[in-house]
N, C-alpha and C. Protein backbone atom coordinates (compact mmCIF):
# COMPACT_ATOMS: atom_id res chain seq x y z
N MET A 1 63.46 69.09 80.41
CA MET A 1 62.81 69.26 81.52
C MET A 1 61.22 68.99 81.84
N SER A 2 60.16 69.58 80.26
CA SER A 2 59.08 68.86 80.72
C SER A 2 58.96 67.66 80.86
N ASN A 3 59.47 66.79 79.37
CA ASN A 3 59.50 65.67 79.54
C ASN A 3 59.86 64.60 80.60
N THR A 4 60.81 65.28 81.42
CA THR A 4 61.58 64.20 82.76
C THR A 4 60.52 64.48 83.66
N ILE A 5 60.09 65.60 83.87
CA ILE A 5 58.69 65.96 84.64
C ILE A 5 57.46 64.97 84.47
N ILE A 6 57.05 64.96 82.94
CA ILE A 6 56.23 64.30 82.74
C ILE A 6 56.22 62.70 83.05
N ASP A 7 57.50 62.45 82.53
CA ASP A 7 57.92 60.85 82.70
C ASP A 7 57.61 60.36 84.74
N THR A 8 58.18 61.44 85.09
CA THR A 8 58.29 60.79 86.67
C THR A 8 56.67 60.99 87.59
N ALA A 9 55.98 62.10 86.96
CA ALA A 9 54.78 62.27 87.33
C ALA A 9 53.81 61.14 86.76
N ASN A 10 53.96 60.61 85.90
CA ASN A 10 53.46 59.26 85.13
C ASN A 10 53.83 58.03 85.82
N GLU A 11 55.31 58.30 86.48
CA GLU A 11 55.71 56.81 86.99
C GLU A 11 55.11 57.22 88.49
N TYR A 12 55.08 58.15 89.22
CA TYR A 12 54.18 58.49 90.59
C TYR A 12 52.77 57.82 90.55
N LYS A 13 51.96 58.36 89.47
CA LYS A 13 51.02 58.01 89.23
C LYS A 13 50.86 56.24 88.81
N LYS A 14 51.29 55.83 88.25
CA LYS A 14 51.45 54.41 87.94
C LYS A 14 51.94 53.92 89.48
N VAL A 15 52.40 53.80 90.21
CA VAL A 15 52.86 53.42 91.17
C VAL A 15 51.41 53.27 92.53
N ALA A 16 51.06 54.58 92.40
CA ALA A 16 49.45 54.84 93.38
C ALA A 16 48.39 54.03 92.67
N GLN A 17 48.31 53.76 90.95
CA GLN A 17 47.12 52.77 91.05
C GLN A 17 47.63 51.51 91.20
N MET A 18 48.94 51.18 91.30
CA MET A 18 49.26 49.91 91.89
C MET A 18 48.84 49.45 93.48
N LEU A 19 48.88 50.37 94.14
CA LEU A 19 48.59 50.55 95.61
C LEU A 19 47.08 50.88 95.28
N GLU A 20 46.53 51.12 95.02
CA GLU A 20 44.79 51.28 94.71
C GLU A 20 44.43 50.04 94.69
N THR A 21 45.15 49.31 93.77
CA THR A 21 44.94 48.14 93.16
C THR A 21 44.81 47.16 94.48
N SER A 22 45.86 46.85 95.08
CA SER A 22 46.32 46.37 96.49
C SER A 22 45.29 46.97 97.75
N ALA A 23 45.14 48.35 97.15
CA ALA A 23 44.02 48.64 98.56
C ALA A 23 42.44 47.65 98.31
N ILE A 24 42.13 47.82 96.84
CA ILE A 24 40.62 47.40 96.52
C ILE A 24 40.38 45.69 97.08
N GLU A 25 41.49 45.00 96.76
CA GLU A 25 41.91 43.60 96.91
C GLU A 25 41.70 43.25 98.02
N ALA A 26 42.34 43.90 98.91
CA ALA A 26 42.42 44.08 100.31
C ALA A 26 41.17 44.20 101.07
N GLY A 27 40.59 45.43 100.40
CA GLY A 27 39.15 45.61 101.37
C GLY A 27 38.15 44.84 100.84
N SER A 28 38.51 43.63 99.92
CA SER A 28 37.39 42.90 99.51
C SER A 28 37.34 41.46 99.95
N GLU A 29 39.07 41.42 100.89
CA GLU A 29 38.87 39.93 101.76
C GLU A 29 38.45 40.10 102.78
N GLU A 30 38.22 38.86 103.62
CA GLU A 30 37.89 39.38 105.22
C GLU A 30 39.39 39.58 105.88
N ILE A 31 39.13 40.38 106.77
CA ILE A 31 40.46 40.98 107.22
C ILE A 31 41.15 39.30 107.85
N ARG A 32 42.15 39.92 107.42
CA ARG A 32 43.02 38.45 107.88
C ARG A 32 44.38 39.09 108.34
N GLN A 33 45.20 37.98 109.27
CA GLN A 33 46.31 38.55 109.47
C GLN A 33 47.34 38.91 108.64
N GLY A 34 47.82 40.39 108.91
CA GLY A 34 48.56 41.13 108.43
C GLY A 34 47.90 42.32 107.47
N PHE A 35 46.52 42.32 107.45
CA PHE A 35 45.94 43.22 106.97
C PHE A 35 46.59 44.29 107.22
N ILE A 36 46.12 44.81 108.49
CA ILE A 36 46.53 46.47 108.84
C ILE A 36 48.20 46.41 108.73
N GLU A 37 49.57 45.84 108.73
CA GLU A 37 50.25 45.88 108.42
C GLU A 37 50.48 46.56 107.07
N ASP A 38 49.64 45.81 105.99
CA ASP A 38 49.83 46.11 104.82
C ASP A 38 49.07 47.47 104.69
N ALA A 39 47.83 47.73 105.41
CA ALA A 39 47.06 48.96 104.70
C ALA A 39 48.17 50.21 105.67
N LEU A 40 49.07 50.27 106.52
CA LEU A 40 49.97 51.15 106.92
C LEU A 40 50.93 51.44 106.09
N LEU A 41 51.30 50.42 105.39
CA LEU A 41 52.40 50.45 104.57
C LEU A 41 52.02 50.99 103.46
N ARG A 42 50.96 50.96 103.11
CA ARG A 42 50.33 51.53 101.78
C ARG A 42 49.99 53.06 102.24
N LEU A 43 50.05 53.43 103.18
CA LEU A 43 49.83 54.59 103.75
C LEU A 43 50.78 55.53 103.75
N PHE A 44 52.08 54.55 104.16
CA PHE A 44 53.29 55.30 104.21
C PHE A 44 53.72 55.34 102.30
N TYR A 45 53.46 54.17 101.60
CA TYR A 45 53.78 54.75 100.41
C TYR A 45 53.24 55.99 99.95
N ALA A 46 51.82 55.91 100.22
CA ALA A 46 51.19 57.09 99.40
C ALA A 46 51.84 58.66 100.34
N LYS A 47 51.95 58.33 101.35
CA LYS A 47 52.54 60.01 101.88
C LYS A 47 54.11 60.26 101.28
N SER A 48 54.88 59.37 100.96
CA SER A 48 55.92 58.86 100.19
C SER A 48 55.94 59.67 98.91
N LEU A 49 54.74 59.26 98.11
CA LEU A 49 54.76 59.69 97.02
C LEU A 49 54.56 60.60 96.87
N GLU A 50 53.57 61.52 97.99
CA GLU A 50 53.06 63.05 98.05
C GLU A 50 54.12 63.85 97.74
N LEU A 51 55.34 63.30 99.26
CA LEU A 51 56.59 64.03 99.71
C LEU A 51 57.50 64.37 98.17
N LYS A 52 57.25 62.90 97.50
CA LYS A 52 58.17 63.23 96.11
C LYS A 52 57.36 64.13 95.17
N LEU A 53 56.27 63.93 95.05
CA LEU A 53 55.74 64.72 93.86
C LEU A 53 55.74 66.45 94.31
N ASP A 54 55.50 66.42 95.74
CA ASP A 54 55.61 68.39 95.90
C ASP A 54 57.09 68.56 95.28
N LYS A 55 58.40 67.73 95.34
CA LYS A 55 59.42 68.09 94.82
C LYS A 55 59.02 68.67 93.35
N VAL A 56 58.30 67.53 92.70
CA VAL A 56 58.28 67.93 91.21
C VAL A 56 57.43 69.02 91.29
N GLN A 57 56.49 68.90 91.51
CA GLN A 57 55.78 70.73 91.51
C GLN A 57 56.69 71.73 91.74
N GLU A 58 57.76 71.70 92.67
CA GLU A 58 58.01 73.00 92.84
C GLU A 58 59.33 73.47 91.56
N GLN A 59 59.49 72.28 90.87
CA GLN A 59 60.30 72.37 89.67
C GLN A 59 58.96 73.08 88.58
N LEU A 60 57.92 73.20 88.67
CA LEU A 60 56.92 73.72 87.83
C LEU A 60 56.71 75.59 87.25
N ASP A 61 56.88 76.06 86.42
CA ASP A 61 57.11 77.54 86.23
C ASP A 61 56.21 78.17 85.16
N GLU A 62 55.78 79.52 85.14
CA GLU A 62 55.23 79.82 84.03
C GLU A 62 55.51 79.04 82.55
N GLN A 63 56.73 78.44 82.32
CA GLN A 63 57.06 78.34 81.15
C GLN A 63 56.66 76.66 80.69
N SER A 64 56.23 76.10 82.55
CA SER A 64 55.81 75.09 81.80
C SER A 64 54.91 74.79 81.25
N ASP A 65 53.97 73.60 80.16
CA ASP A 65 53.49 73.18 79.65
C ASP A 65 52.19 72.73 80.01
N MET A 66 50.78 72.97 79.53
CA MET A 66 49.81 72.66 80.12
C MET A 66 49.84 70.75 79.95
N ASP A 67 50.66 70.13 79.06
CA ASP A 67 50.80 68.88 79.39
C ASP A 67 51.32 68.43 80.59
N THR A 68 52.50 69.45 81.00
CA THR A 68 53.32 69.00 82.12
C THR A 68 52.10 69.32 82.96
N PHE A 69 51.76 70.03 83.29
CA PHE A 69 50.63 70.49 84.69
C PHE A 69 49.36 69.40 84.58
N ASP A 70 49.00 68.98 84.20
CA ASP A 70 48.22 67.42 83.60
C ASP A 70 48.67 66.75 84.22
N ALA A 71 50.13 66.12 83.59
CA ALA A 71 50.36 65.06 84.17
C ALA A 71 50.44 64.65 85.59
N VAL A 72 50.94 66.16 86.26
CA VAL A 72 51.28 66.09 87.62
C VAL A 72 50.22 66.28 88.13
N ASN A 73 49.06 67.30 88.12
CA ASN A 73 47.57 66.68 88.45
C ASN A 73 47.12 65.58 88.36
N LYS A 74 47.05 64.57 87.47
CA LYS A 74 46.95 63.28 87.29
C LYS A 74 47.60 62.65 88.34
N ALA A 75 48.67 63.10 88.44
CA ALA A 75 49.61 61.83 89.50
C ALA A 75 49.17 62.24 90.91
N GLU A 76 49.16 63.70 91.44
CA GLU A 76 48.37 63.91 92.54
C GLU A 76 47.02 63.43 93.10
N GLU A 77 46.20 63.44 91.73
CA GLU A 77 44.79 63.08 91.95
C GLU A 77 44.81 61.42 92.28
N ALA A 78 45.83 60.95 91.73
CA ALA A 78 45.72 59.32 92.06
C ALA A 78 46.67 58.96 93.21
N ILE A 79 47.32 59.80 93.63
CA ILE A 79 48.46 59.91 95.07
C ILE A 79 46.57 59.72 96.11
N GLU A 80 46.40 61.06 95.90
CA GLU A 80 45.24 61.18 97.16
C GLU A 80 44.54 60.29 97.19
N LYS A 81 43.89 59.73 96.06
CA LYS A 81 42.83 58.37 96.13
C LYS A 81 43.22 57.20 96.66
N VAL A 82 44.36 57.08 96.70
CA VAL A 82 44.93 55.80 97.42
C VAL A 82 45.47 56.42 98.72
N SER A 83 45.83 57.47 99.04
CA SER A 83 46.40 57.92 100.44
C SER A 83 44.79 57.85 101.27
N GLU A 84 43.60 58.27 100.72
CA GLU A 84 42.42 58.37 101.24
C GLU A 84 41.65 57.06 101.65
N MET A 85 41.74 56.11 100.81
CA MET A 85 41.71 54.86 100.69
C MET A 85 42.29 54.20 101.68
N SER A 86 43.75 54.15 102.18
CA SER A 86 44.33 53.47 102.96
C SER A 86 43.95 53.90 103.84
N PHE A 87 43.81 55.07 104.41
CA PHE A 87 43.71 55.48 105.46
C PHE A 87 41.98 55.21 106.38
N GLU A 88 41.38 55.21 105.59
CA GLU A 88 40.07 54.83 105.70
C GLU A 88 40.11 53.13 105.88
N GLN A 89 40.69 52.40 105.87
CA GLN A 89 40.83 51.11 105.73
C GLN A 89 41.56 50.70 107.34
N ILE A 90 42.42 51.67 107.33
CA ILE A 90 42.79 51.90 108.91
C ILE A 90 42.11 52.23 109.88
N GLU A 91 41.37 53.16 109.56
CA GLU A 91 40.61 53.71 110.53
C GLU A 91 39.49 52.62 110.87
N SER A 92 39.14 52.19 109.62
CA SER A 92 37.97 50.99 110.28
C SER A 92 38.08 50.12 110.63
N TYR A 93 39.62 49.52 110.37
CA TYR A 93 40.09 48.26 111.21
C TYR A 93 40.37 48.76 112.81
N ALA A 94 40.56 49.74 112.90
CA ALA A 94 40.85 50.28 114.23
C ALA A 94 39.74 49.87 115.21
N GLY A 95 38.63 50.71 114.09
CA GLY A 95 37.31 50.86 114.95
C GLY A 95 36.79 48.97 115.43
N ASP A 96 37.79 47.96 114.64
CA ASP A 96 37.15 46.69 115.06
C ASP A 96 37.91 45.89 116.13
N ASP A 97 39.32 46.86 116.30
CA ASP A 97 40.65 45.92 116.89
C ASP A 97 41.03 46.80 117.62
N LYS A 98 40.07 46.56 119.32
CA LYS A 98 40.50 47.61 120.32
C LYS A 98 42.07 47.61 120.58
N LYS A 99 42.44 46.44 120.39
CA LYS A 99 44.07 46.51 120.58
C LYS A 99 44.86 47.59 119.88
N PHE A 100 44.50 47.00 118.89
CA PHE A 100 45.55 48.22 117.87
C PHE A 100 44.73 49.46 118.13
N GLU A 101 43.78 49.99 118.62
CA GLU A 101 43.59 51.40 118.65
C GLU A 101 44.17 51.69 119.89
N ILE A 102 44.61 50.94 121.21
CA ILE A 102 45.29 51.64 122.17
C ILE A 102 46.52 51.73 121.59
N GLU A 103 47.28 50.56 120.91
CA GLU A 103 48.46 50.61 120.75
C GLU A 103 48.77 52.38 120.27
N VAL A 104 47.53 52.93 119.41
CA VAL A 104 47.70 53.77 118.24
C VAL A 104 47.37 54.89 119.31
N ASP A 105 46.57 55.08 120.61
CA ASP A 105 46.56 55.91 121.36
C ASP A 105 47.76 56.48 122.20
N SER A 106 48.52 55.23 122.38
CA SER A 106 49.64 55.19 123.29
C SER A 106 50.74 56.03 122.46
N THR A 107 50.79 55.47 121.36
CA THR A 107 51.73 56.14 120.44
C THR A 107 52.25 57.69 120.50
N SER A 108 53.74 57.56 120.75
CA SER A 108 53.83 59.19 120.81
C SER A 108 55.16 59.60 119.68
N VAL A 109 55.45 60.59 119.85
CA VAL A 109 56.42 61.02 118.51
C VAL A 109 58.04 60.37 119.43
N ASP A 110 58.37 59.40 118.70
CA ASP A 110 59.69 58.79 118.80
C ASP A 110 60.61 59.23 117.60
N LEU A 111 61.19 59.80 117.19
CA LEU A 111 62.16 59.92 115.77
C LEU A 111 63.13 58.97 115.79
N ASP A 112 63.30 58.57 117.31
CA ASP A 112 64.54 57.81 117.30
C ASP A 112 64.34 56.68 117.39
N SER A 113 63.19 55.78 117.11
CA SER A 113 62.77 54.67 117.29
C SER A 113 63.18 54.03 115.67
N GLN A 114 63.50 52.49 116.31
CA GLN A 114 63.61 51.61 114.99
C GLN A 114 62.62 50.43 114.93
N ASP A 115 61.67 50.61 115.69
CA ASP A 115 60.60 49.83 115.30
C ASP A 115 60.30 50.21 114.09
N LYS A 116 60.11 49.45 112.99
CA LYS A 116 59.09 49.74 111.97
C LYS A 116 57.43 49.90 112.13
N GLU A 117 57.19 49.23 112.65
CA GLU A 117 55.57 49.02 113.45
C GLU A 117 55.56 50.30 114.16
N ASN A 118 55.85 50.56 114.79
CA ASN A 118 56.14 51.85 115.78
C ASN A 118 55.74 52.87 115.15
N LEU A 119 57.13 52.95 114.05
CA LEU A 119 56.96 54.19 112.87
C LEU A 119 55.65 54.67 112.27
N LEU A 120 55.37 53.31 111.76
CA LEU A 120 54.13 53.40 110.86
C LEU A 120 52.78 53.87 111.92
N ARG A 121 52.77 53.11 112.96
CA ARG A 121 51.91 53.60 113.92
C ARG A 121 51.91 55.31 113.85
N GLN A 122 52.66 55.66 114.39
CA GLN A 122 53.42 57.18 114.69
C GLN A 122 52.73 58.25 112.99
N LEU A 123 53.16 57.86 112.15
CA LEU A 123 52.84 58.32 110.85
C LEU A 123 51.26 58.54 110.53
N TYR A 124 50.62 57.04 110.97
CA TYR A 124 49.35 56.80 111.02
C TYR A 124 48.45 58.10 111.85
N LYS A 125 48.94 58.56 113.39
CA LYS A 125 48.71 59.05 114.05
C LYS A 125 48.65 60.46 113.70
N CYS A 126 50.08 60.86 112.99
CA CYS A 126 49.95 62.25 112.48
C CYS A 126 48.88 62.62 111.61
N GLU A 127 49.03 61.62 110.72
CA GLU A 127 48.05 61.77 109.64
C GLU A 127 46.51 62.17 110.39
N GLY A 128 46.48 61.13 110.81
CA GLY A 128 45.13 61.61 111.84
C GLY A 128 44.86 62.55 112.09
N ILE A 129 46.04 63.30 112.97
CA ILE A 129 45.51 64.64 113.70
C ILE A 129 45.85 66.00 112.44
N ILE A 130 46.38 65.68 111.48
CA ILE A 130 46.44 66.43 110.38
C ILE A 130 44.77 66.91 109.56
N ARG A 131 44.54 65.43 109.76
CA ARG A 131 43.06 65.45 108.89
C ARG A 131 42.03 66.01 109.47
N MET A 132 42.28 65.37 111.03
CA MET A 132 41.09 66.38 111.67
C MET A 132 41.47 67.76 111.94
N ALA A 133 42.61 68.39 112.13
CA ALA A 133 42.56 69.82 111.84
C ALA A 133 42.22 70.35 110.64
N HIS A 134 42.31 69.98 109.56
CA HIS A 134 42.16 70.11 108.10
C HIS A 134 40.83 70.42 108.00
N ARG A 135 39.75 69.14 108.68
CA ARG A 135 38.10 69.34 108.84
C ARG A 135 37.95 69.96 109.37
N THR A 136 38.46 70.64 110.78
CA THR A 136 38.00 71.83 111.64
C THR A 136 38.15 72.97 111.00
N ALA A 137 39.68 73.17 110.15
CA ALA A 137 39.77 74.64 109.73
C ALA A 137 38.93 74.63 108.39
N GLN A 138 38.07 73.73 107.71
CA GLN A 138 37.24 73.67 106.66
C GLN A 138 36.32 74.51 107.10
N ARG A 139 35.65 74.65 108.41
CA ARG A 139 34.48 75.49 108.75
C ARG A 139 34.91 77.15 109.22
N HIS A 140 36.30 77.38 109.35
CA HIS A 140 36.69 78.97 108.90
C HIS A 140 36.23 79.18 107.65
N SER A 141 35.76 80.63 107.50
CA SER A 141 35.24 81.15 106.31
C SER A 141 36.82 81.61 105.74
N ILE A 142 37.58 81.16 106.08
CA ILE A 142 38.96 81.53 105.16
C ILE A 142 39.22 80.70 104.34
N TYR A 143 38.64 79.67 104.49
CA TYR A 143 38.67 78.02 103.36
C TYR A 143 37.92 78.04 102.42
N GLY A 144 36.60 78.88 102.18
CA GLY A 144 35.83 78.64 101.49
C GLY A 144 35.70 77.44 100.82
N ASN A 145 35.65 77.52 99.51
CA ASN A 145 35.81 76.62 98.58
C ASN A 145 37.18 75.99 98.17
N THR A 146 38.19 76.18 98.75
CA THR A 146 39.32 75.94 98.60
C THR A 146 39.83 74.25 98.25
N SER A 147 40.79 73.86 97.68
CA SER A 147 41.52 72.52 97.28
C SER A 147 41.68 71.95 98.59
N ALA A 148 40.92 70.35 99.01
CA ALA A 148 41.04 69.91 100.05
C ALA A 148 42.90 69.53 100.08
N ALA A 149 43.41 69.78 98.96
CA ALA A 149 45.20 69.91 99.42
C ALA A 149 45.49 71.03 100.06
N TRP A 150 44.86 71.64 101.40
CA TRP A 150 45.81 72.45 102.46
C TRP A 150 46.58 72.56 102.56
N GLU A 151 47.74 71.78 102.38
CA GLU A 151 49.26 72.35 102.34
C GLU A 151 49.78 73.11 101.86
N HIS A 152 48.93 73.20 100.46
CA HIS A 152 49.44 74.21 99.30
C HIS A 152 48.74 75.68 100.05
N LEU A 153 48.10 76.07 100.64
CA LEU A 153 47.65 77.13 100.94
C LEU A 153 48.29 78.10 102.08
N GLU A 154 49.88 77.56 102.08
CA GLU A 154 51.09 77.68 102.83
C GLU A 154 51.29 79.71 102.28
N GLY A 155 51.26 80.40 103.37
CA GLY A 155 51.46 81.67 102.73
C GLY A 155 50.23 82.57 102.30
N LEU A 156 49.24 81.54 102.53
CA LEU A 156 47.67 82.78 101.88
C LEU A 156 47.39 83.58 103.04
N ASP A 157 47.58 85.19 102.98
CA ASP A 157 46.91 85.46 104.13
C ASP A 157 45.42 85.83 104.13
N THR A 158 45.14 86.19 105.23
CA THR A 158 43.41 85.60 105.35
C THR A 158 43.61 87.33 106.80
N GLU A 159 42.14 87.16 107.14
CA GLU A 159 41.69 88.30 107.92
C GLU A 159 43.05 88.70 108.93
N GLY A 160 42.91 89.91 109.30
CA GLY A 160 44.10 90.01 110.01
C GLY A 160 45.67 89.35 109.48
N GLY A 161 45.92 89.53 108.53
CA GLY A 161 47.23 88.49 108.01
C GLY A 161 47.39 87.00 108.76
N LYS A 162 46.87 86.69 108.78
CA LYS A 162 47.24 85.45 109.39
C LYS A 162 46.98 84.30 108.30
N SER A 163 47.52 83.32 108.20
CA SER A 163 47.81 82.34 107.63
C SER A 163 46.41 81.20 108.08
N PRO A 164 46.21 80.03 107.36
CA PRO A 164 45.31 79.12 108.06
C PRO A 164 46.08 78.45 108.96
N GLU A 165 47.49 78.35 108.67
CA GLU A 165 48.01 77.33 109.98
C GLU A 165 48.03 78.32 110.92
N GLN A 166 48.27 79.42 111.15
CA GLN A 166 48.24 80.45 112.31
C GLN A 166 47.11 80.00 112.42
N MET A 167 45.71 80.39 111.95
CA MET A 167 44.38 80.37 112.73
C MET A 167 44.08 79.15 113.57
N ILE A 168 44.87 77.73 112.86
CA ILE A 168 44.74 76.42 113.04
C ILE A 168 45.27 76.25 114.86
N PHE A 169 46.53 76.81 114.68
CA PHE A 169 47.24 77.25 116.10
C PHE A 169 46.60 77.84 116.93
N GLU A 170 46.04 78.93 116.66
CA GLU A 170 45.11 79.69 117.82
C GLU A 170 44.23 79.12 118.12
N ASP A 171 43.16 78.54 117.12
CA ASP A 171 42.12 77.90 117.55
C ASP A 171 42.04 76.70 117.92
N LEU A 172 43.21 75.56 117.47
CA LEU A 172 43.00 74.34 118.26
C LEU A 172 44.71 73.98 119.00
N GLY A 173 45.56 74.61 118.77
CA GLY A 173 46.46 75.18 119.21
C GLY A 173 47.64 73.55 119.03
N ILE A 174 47.16 73.07 117.83
CA ILE A 174 47.73 72.61 116.68
C ILE A 174 48.77 73.39 115.71
N ASP A 175 50.20 73.10 116.04
CA ASP A 175 51.12 73.65 114.92
C ASP A 175 51.28 72.50 114.13
N MET A 176 50.81 73.21 112.74
CA MET A 176 50.55 72.33 111.68
C MET A 176 51.66 72.38 110.56
N TYR A 177 53.01 73.57 110.97
CA TYR A 177 53.69 73.09 110.32
C TYR A 177 54.78 72.15 110.95
N GLU A 178 55.00 72.07 112.30
CA GLU A 178 55.74 71.37 112.91
C GLU A 178 55.09 69.51 113.04
N LEU A 179 53.88 69.32 113.05
CA LEU A 179 52.96 68.19 112.22
C LEU A 179 53.30 67.67 110.82
N LEU A 180 53.54 68.80 109.86
CA LEU A 180 54.11 68.61 108.36
C LEU A 180 55.61 67.86 108.38
N GLY A 181 56.21 68.33 109.60
CA GLY A 181 57.87 68.07 109.42
C GLY A 181 57.91 66.94 110.12
N VAL A 182 56.83 66.63 111.09
CA VAL A 182 57.43 65.11 111.91
C VAL A 182 57.02 64.05 110.63
N ARG A 183 55.56 64.45 109.99
CA ARG A 183 55.06 63.65 109.09
C ARG A 183 56.54 63.34 108.38
N GLU A 184 56.83 64.25 107.57
CA GLU A 184 57.89 63.99 106.38
C GLU A 184 59.56 63.04 107.56
N LYS A 185 60.05 63.32 108.27
CA LYS A 185 60.91 62.54 109.02
C LYS A 185 60.79 61.43 109.44
N LEU A 186 59.32 61.24 109.05
CA LEU A 186 58.88 59.96 109.81
C LEU A 186 59.03 58.65 108.50
N VAL A 187 58.43 59.60 107.68
CA VAL A 187 58.25 58.89 106.18
C VAL A 187 59.75 58.66 105.54
N ASP A 188 60.76 59.56 105.74
CA ASP A 188 62.40 59.56 105.47
C ASP A 188 62.83 58.32 106.23
N LYS A 189 62.33 58.32 107.84
CA LYS A 189 62.89 57.33 108.45
C LYS A 189 62.55 55.79 107.96
N ILE A 190 61.25 55.47 107.75
CA ILE A 190 60.57 54.30 107.18
C ILE A 190 61.16 53.93 105.61
N GLU A 191 61.54 55.38 104.93
CA GLU A 191 61.92 54.39 103.61
C GLU A 191 63.29 54.15 103.80
N GLY A 192 63.93 54.49 104.76
CA GLY A 192 65.52 54.29 105.09
C GLY A 192 65.28 52.45 105.26
N MET A 193 64.46 52.12 106.17
CA MET A 193 64.14 51.21 106.67
C MET A 193 63.56 50.12 105.66
N VAL A 194 62.44 50.27 104.60
CA VAL A 194 61.72 49.52 103.87
C VAL A 194 63.19 49.49 102.37
N ALA A 195 63.93 50.38 102.32
CA ALA A 195 65.00 50.07 101.57
C ALA A 195 66.22 49.51 101.66
N GLY A 196 66.63 49.49 103.15
CA GLY A 196 67.30 48.43 103.70
C GLY A 196 66.76 47.17 103.34
């Protein structure tokens, strides 16, 4: 079991590093036709890897050795790095392309859409809201110096017995569980299109 987890984590790390290389190469060139589509796809692949790694992490237990934990942690770091890089590239592009910015602003959740570009924009917008809520939540004392991977805080009790997600909902009106569910469904839908 440990060897399987390590092999899987190493494979995810390798794919994340390939995506990072692609992002670095794209960032060193002038904005060109297809830049935004490539960046949106990189963000999708990073989110897909993140969800797959979550399933691997669920297999970890007290019997798992340090090599296994280390492999999973390194994969998580590589995926997080390329996810951040891809998101920032899209943000930067959106600041220079008003048409794209308007398209994103007018995008709403439509999980029945068959338009891959629309689904990629939905994923980007969903990710943006999640990140905004995360940044805002870090101002709450309930987070302190916790990991940036706030999703792993599910179930953590806070003052008054409220989870961070409940605090965010009360303060911002944002349902984090619903957003994470939408993000997962979008990734699954896009995955089917890309695989097809």
